[in-house]
Amino acid sequence: GHPVRLSLLQAVHAGTATVAELKE
């Protein structure tokens, strides 16, 4: 129920796997 968490899930689903990549 949080937009950032949904965006994180979408990024992980698209192949972004690490916190370092997400932090970019």
PDB file of all heavy atoms in Angstrom:
ATOM      1  N   GLY A   1       0.766  -1.227   0.000  1.00  0.00           N
ATOM      2  CA  GLY A   1       0.000   0.000   0.000  1.00  0.00           C
ATOM      3  C   GLY A   1       0.798   1.277   0.000  1.00  0.00           C
ATOM      4  O   GLY A   1       0.300   2.317   0.427  1.00  0.00           O
ATOM      5  N   HIS A   2       2.033   1.229  -0.445  1.00  0.00           N
ATOM      6  CA  HIS A   2       2.856   2.439  -0.483  1.00  0.00           C
ATOM      7  C   HIS A   2       3.448   2.583  -1.884  1.00  0.00           C
ATOM      8  O   HIS A   2       3.993   1.615  -2.423  1.00  0.00           O
ATOM      9  CB  HIS A   2       3.968   2.326   0.571  1.00  0.00           C
ATOM     10  CG  HIS A   2       4.674   3.610   0.833  1.00  0.00           C
ATOM     11  ND1 HIS A   2       5.582   4.155  -0.048  1.00  0.00           N
ATOM     12  CD2 HIS A   2       4.597   4.478   1.873  1.00  0.00           C
ATOM     13  CE1 HIS A   2       6.044   5.278   0.444  1.00  0.00           C
ATOM     14  NE2 HIS A   2       5.453   5.500   1.614  1.00  0.00           N
ATOM     15  N   PRO A   3       3.375   3.759  -2.459  1.00  0.00           N
ATOM     16  CA  PRO A   3       3.871   3.930  -3.839  1.00  0.00           C
ATOM     17  C   PRO A   3       5.346   3.570  -4.011  1.00  0.00           C
ATOM     18  O   PRO A   3       5.726   2.996  -5.037  1.00  0.00           O
ATOM     19  CB  PRO A   3       3.633   5.406  -4.153  1.00  0.00           C
ATOM     20  CG  PRO A   3       2.873   5.980  -3.024  1.00  0.00           C
ATOM     21  CD  PRO A   3       2.783   4.971  -1.926  1.00  0.00           C
ATOM     22  N   VAL A   4       6.169   3.881  -3.032  1.00  0.00           N
ATOM     23  CA  VAL A   4       7.600   3.551  -3.161  1.00  0.00           C
ATOM     24  C   VAL A   4       7.790   2.039  -3.160  1.00  0.00           C
ATOM     25  O   VAL A   4       8.571   1.501  -3.955  1.00  0.00           O
ATOM     26  CB  VAL A   4       8.436   4.232  -2.047  1.00  0.00           C
ATOM     27  CG1 VAL A   4       9.874   3.712  -2.063  1.00  0.00           C
ATOM     28  CG2 VAL A   4       8.418   5.742  -2.225  1.00  0.00           C
ATOM     29  N   ARG A   5       7.056   1.323  -2.311  1.00  0.00           N
ATOM     30  CA  ARG A   5       7.210  -0.132  -2.265  1.00  0.00           C
ATOM     31  C   ARG A   5       6.734  -0.771  -3.574  1.00  0.00           C
ATOM     32  O   ARG A   5       7.355  -1.704  -4.068  1.00  0.00           O
ATOM     33  CB  ARG A   5       6.483  -0.702  -1.052  1.00  0.00           C
ATOM     34  CG  ARG A   5       7.201  -0.356   0.248  1.00  0.00           C
ATOM     35  CD  ARG A   5       6.700  -1.155   1.430  1.00  0.00           C
ATOM     36  NE  ARG A   5       5.435  -0.716   1.946  1.00  0.00           N
ATOM     37  CZ  ARG A   5       5.272   0.265   2.830  1.00  0.00           C
ATOM     38  NH1 ARG A   5       6.331   0.917   3.298  1.00  0.00           N
ATOM     39  NH2 ARG A   5       4.077   0.584   3.273  1.00  0.00           N
ATOM     40  N   LEU A   6       5.656  -0.261  -4.115  1.00  0.00           N
ATOM     41  CA  LEU A   6       5.200  -0.786  -5.409  1.00  0.00           C
ATOM     42  C   LEU A   6       6.219  -0.489  -6.508  1.00  0.00           C
ATOM     43  O   LEU A   6       6.493  -1.345  -7.360  1.00  0.00           O
ATOM     44  CB  LEU A   6       3.826  -0.218  -5.773  1.00  0.00           C
ATOM     45  CG  LEU A   6       2.671  -0.763  -4.941  1.00  0.00           C
ATOM     46  CD1 LEU A   6       1.392   0.015  -5.234  1.00  0.00           C
ATOM     47  CD2 LEU A   6       2.457  -2.246  -5.206  1.00  0.00           C
ATOM     48  N   SER A   7       6.801   0.690  -6.480  1.00  0.00           N
ATOM     49  CA  SER A   7       7.839   1.024  -7.471  1.00  0.00           C
ATOM     50  C   SER A   7       9.082   0.166  -7.277  1.00  0.00           C
ATOM     51  O   SER A   7       9.729  -0.240  -8.253  1.00  0.00           O
ATOM     52  CB  SER A   7       8.211   2.512  -7.378  1.00  0.00           C
ATOM     53  OG  SER A   7       7.122   3.309  -7.779  1.00  0.00           O
ATOM     54  N   LEU A   8       9.425  -0.119  -6.023  1.00  0.00           N
ATOM     55  CA  LEU A   8      10.557  -1.019  -5.751  1.00  0.00           C
ATOM     56  C   LEU A   8      10.282  -2.413  -6.317  1.00  0.00           C
ATOM     57  O   LEU A   8      11.156  -3.015  -6.955  1.00  0.00           O
ATOM     58  CB  LEU A   8      10.828  -1.118  -4.244  1.00  0.00           C
ATOM     59  CG  LEU A   8      11.538   0.059  -3.591  1.00  0.00           C
ATOM     60  CD1 LEU A   8      11.458  -0.038  -2.076  1.00  0.00           C
ATOM     61  CD2 LEU A   8      12.984   0.127  -4.053  1.00  0.00           C
ATOM     62  N   LEU A   9       9.082  -2.924  -6.075  1.00  0.00           N
ATOM     63  CA  LEU A   9       8.724  -4.240  -6.621  1.00  0.00           C
ATOM     64  C   LEU A   9       8.786  -4.238  -8.147  1.00  0.00           C
ATOM     65  O   LEU A   9       9.276  -5.187  -8.755  1.00  0.00           O
ATOM     66  CB  LEU A   9       7.326  -4.654  -6.158  1.00  0.00           C
ATOM     67  CG  LEU A   9       7.221  -5.150  -4.725  1.00  0.00           C
ATOM     68  CD1 LEU A   9       5.764  -5.247  -4.297  1.00  0.00           C
ATOM     69  CD2 LEU A   9       7.928  -6.489  -4.565  1.00  0.00           C
ATOM     70  N   GLN A  10       8.312  -3.157  -8.742  1.00  0.00           N
ATOM     71  CA  GLN A  10       8.346  -3.078 -10.205  1.00  0.00           C
ATOM     72  C   GLN A  10       9.795  -3.049 -10.702  1.00  0.00           C
ATOM     73  O   GLN A  10      10.133  -3.711 -11.683  1.00  0.00           O
ATOM     74  CB  GLN A  10       7.588  -1.840 -10.677  1.00  0.00           C
ATOM     75  CG  GLN A  10       7.407  -1.785 -12.182  1.00  0.00           C
ATOM     76  CD  GLN A  10       6.480  -0.664 -12.603  1.00  0.00           C
ATOM     77  OE1 GLN A  10       6.249   0.303 -11.873  1.00  0.00           O
ATOM     78  NE2 GLN A  10       5.938  -0.786 -13.797  1.00  0.00           N
ATOM     79  N   ALA A  11      10.659  -2.322 -10.011  1.00  0.00           N
ATOM     80  CA  ALA A  11      12.065  -2.262 -10.404  1.00  0.00           C
ATOM     81  C   ALA A  11      12.734  -3.624 -10.243  1.00  0.00           C
ATOM     82  O   ALA A  11      13.495  -4.060 -11.123  1.00  0.00           O
ATOM     83  CB  ALA A  11      12.797  -1.206  -9.570  1.00  0.00           C
ATOM     84  N   VAL A  12      12.445  -4.309  -9.145  1.00  0.00           N
ATOM     85  CA  VAL A  12      13.026  -5.639  -8.928  1.00  0.00           C
ATOM     86  C   VAL A  12      12.511  -6.605  -9.994  1.00  0.00           C
ATOM     87  O   VAL A  12      13.272  -7.387 -10.556  1.00  0.00           O
ATOM     88  CB  VAL A  12      12.724  -6.146  -7.497  1.00  0.00           C
ATOM     89  CG1 VAL A  12      13.097  -7.615  -7.340  1.00  0.00           C
ATOM     90  CG2 VAL A  12      13.476  -5.302  -6.476  1.00  0.00           C
ATOM     91  N   HIS A  13      11.232  -6.527 -10.281  1.00  0.00           N
ATOM     92  CA  HIS A  13      10.661  -7.390 -11.335  1.00  0.00           C
ATOM     93  C   HIS A  13      11.331  -7.118 -12.679  1.00  0.00           C
ATOM     94  O   HIS A  13      11.557  -8.044 -13.466  1.00  0.00           O
ATOM     95  CB  HIS A  13       9.151  -7.177 -11.438  1.00  0.00           C
ATOM     96  CG  HIS A  13       8.511  -7.967 -12.521  1.00  0.00           C
ATOM     97  ND1 HIS A  13       8.499  -9.354 -12.533  1.00  0.00           N
ATOM     98  CD2 HIS A  13       7.876  -7.588 -13.657  1.00  0.00           C
ATOM     99  CE1 HIS A  13       7.883  -9.777 -13.621  1.00  0.00           C
ATOM    100  NE2 HIS A  13       7.502  -8.727 -14.313  1.00  0.00           N
ATOM    101  N   ALA A  14      11.698  -5.876 -12.936  1.00  0.00           N
ATOM    102  CA  ALA A  14      12.345  -5.506 -14.199  1.00  0.00           C
ATOM    103  C   ALA A  14      13.829  -5.853 -14.221  1.00  0.00           C
ATOM    104  O   ALA A  14      14.495  -5.659 -15.240  1.00  0.00           O
ATOM    105  CB  ALA A  14      12.150  -4.018 -14.461  1.00  0.00           C
ATOM    106  N   GLY A  15      14.375  -6.343 -13.084  1.00  0.00           N
ATOM    107  CA  GLY A  15      15.765  -6.795 -13.088  1.00  0.00           C
ATOM    108  C   GLY A  15      16.712  -6.029 -12.203  1.00  0.00           C
ATOM    109  O   GLY A  15      17.895  -6.368 -12.130  1.00  0.00           O
ATOM    110  N   THR A  16      16.264  -4.980 -11.542  1.00  0.00           N
ATOM    111  CA  THR A  16      17.120  -4.258 -10.607  1.00  0.00           C
ATOM    112  C   THR A  16      17.124  -5.048  -9.305  1.00  0.00           C
ATOM    113  O   THR A  16      16.096  -5.149  -8.641  1.00  0.00           O
ATOM    114  CB  THR A  16      16.585  -2.825 -10.369  1.00  0.00           C
ATOM    115  OG1 THR A  16      16.461  -2.179 -11.625  1.00  0.00           O
ATOM    116  CG2 THR A  16      17.518  -2.033  -9.473  1.00  0.00           C
ATOM    117  N   ALA A  17      18.277  -5.604  -8.946  1.00  0.00           N
ATOM    118  CA  ALA A  17      18.280  -6.597  -7.875  1.00  0.00           C
ATOM    119  C   ALA A  17      18.923  -6.143  -6.577  1.00  0.00           C
ATOM    120  O   ALA A  17      18.688  -6.736  -5.537  1.00  0.00           O
ATOM    121  CB  ALA A  17      18.980  -7.865  -8.355  1.00  0.00           C
ATOM    122  N   THR A  18      19.742  -5.113  -6.602  1.00  0.00           N
ATOM    123  CA  THR A  18      20.470  -4.748  -5.383  1.00  0.00           C
ATOM    124  C   THR A  18      20.058  -3.374  -4.889  1.00  0.00           C
ATOM    125  O   THR A  18      19.561  -2.535  -5.641  1.00  0.00           O
ATOM    126  CB  THR A  18      21.996  -4.736  -5.621  1.00  0.00           C
ATOM    127  OG1 THR A  18      22.297  -3.673  -6.542  1.00  0.00           O
ATOM    128  CG2 THR A  18      22.494  -6.067  -6.175  1.00  0.00           C
ATOM    129  N   VAL A  19      20.313  -3.143  -3.602  1.00  0.00           N
ATOM    130  CA  VAL A  19      20.022  -1.840  -3.015  1.00  0.00           C
ATOM    131  C   VAL A  19      20.881  -0.774  -3.687  1.00  0.00           C
ATOM    132  O   VAL A  19      20.411   0.340  -3.940  1.00  0.00           O
ATOM    133  CB  VAL A  19      20.229  -1.872  -1.485  1.00  0.00           C
ATOM    134  CG1 VAL A  19      20.123  -0.478  -0.894  1.00  0.00           C
ATOM    135  CG2 VAL A  19      19.220  -2.810  -0.842  1.00  0.00           C
ATOM    136  N   ALA A  20      22.122  -1.115  -4.011  1.00  0.00           N
ATOM    137  CA  ALA A  20      22.998  -0.148  -4.690  1.00  0.00           C
ATOM    138  C   ALA A  20      22.388   0.291  -6.021  1.00  0.00           C
ATOM    139  O   ALA A  20      22.416   1.479  -6.363  1.00  0.00           O
ATOM    140  CB  ALA A  20      24.383  -0.760  -4.903  1.00  0.00           C
ATOM    141  N   GLU A  21      21.835  -0.655  -6.772  1.00  0.00           N
ATOM    142  CA  GLU A  21      21.193  -0.301  -8.048  1.00  0.00           C
ATOM    143  C   GLU A  21      19.935   0.529  -7.807  1.00  0.00           C
ATOM    144  O   GLU A  21      19.656   1.484  -8.535  1.00  0.00           O
ATOM    145  CB  GLU A  21      20.829  -1.561  -8.829  1.00  0.00           C
ATOM    146  CG  GLU A  21      22.019  -2.336  -9.345  1.00  0.00           C
ATOM    147  CD  GLU A  21      21.635  -3.701  -9.911  1.00  0.00           C
ATOM    148  OE1 GLU A  21      20.624  -4.296  -9.460  1.00  0.00           O
ATOM    149  OE2 GLU A  21      22.355  -4.167 -10.808  1.00  0.00           O
ATOM    150  N   LEU A  22      19.176   0.167  -6.788  1.00  0.00           N
ATOM    151  CA  LEU A  22      17.956   0.909  -6.473  1.00  0.00           C
ATOM    152  C   LEU A  22      18.282   2.325  -6.008  1.00  0.00           C
ATOM    153  O   LEU A  22      17.560   3.274  -6.313  1.00  0.00           O
ATOM    154  CB  LEU A  22      17.147   0.169  -5.395  1.00  0.00           C
ATOM    155  CG  LEU A  22      16.558  -1.173  -5.821  1.00  0.00           C
ATOM    156  CD1 LEU A  22      16.057  -1.954  -4.613  1.00  0.00           C
ATOM    157  CD2 LEU A  22      15.439  -0.976  -6.835  1.00  0.00           C
ATOM    158  N   LYS A  23      19.406   2.477  -5.289  1.00  0.00           N
ATOM    159  CA  LYS A  23      19.798   3.785  -4.763  1.00  0.00           C
ATOM    160  C   LYS A  23      20.154   4.756  -5.893  1.00  0.00           C
ATOM    161  O   LYS A  23      20.050   5.967  -5.726  1.00  0.00           O
ATOM    162  CB  LYS A  23      20.981   3.628  -3.811  1.00  0.00           C
ATOM    163  CG  LYS A  23      21.272   4.883  -3.037  1.00  0.00           C
ATOM    164  CD  LYS A  23      22.335   4.643  -1.995  1.00  0.00           C
ATOM    165  CE  LYS A  23      22.623   5.930  -1.297  1.00  0.00           C
ATOM    166  NZ  LYS A  23      23.948   6.430  -1.479  1.00  0.00           N
ATOM    167  N   GLU A  24      20.519   4.232  -7.051  1.00  0.00           N
ATOM    168  CA  GLU A  24      20.840   5.093  -8.187  1.00  0.00           C
ATOM    169  C   GLU A  24      19.615   5.845  -8.697  1.00  0.00           C
ATOM    170  O   GLU A  24      19.752   6.834  -9.412  1.00  0.00           O
ATOM    171  CB  GLU A  24      21.450   4.266  -9.322  1.00  0.00           C
ATOM    172  CG  GLU A  24      22.815   3.710  -8.998  1.00  0.00           C
ATOM    173  CD  GLU A  24      23.352   2.781 -10.076  1.00  0.00           C
ATOM    174  OE1 GLU A  24      22.742   2.688 -11.159  1.00  0.00           O
ATOM    175  OE2 GLU A  24      24.383   2.134  -9.820  1.00  0.00           O
TER     176      GLU A  24
END
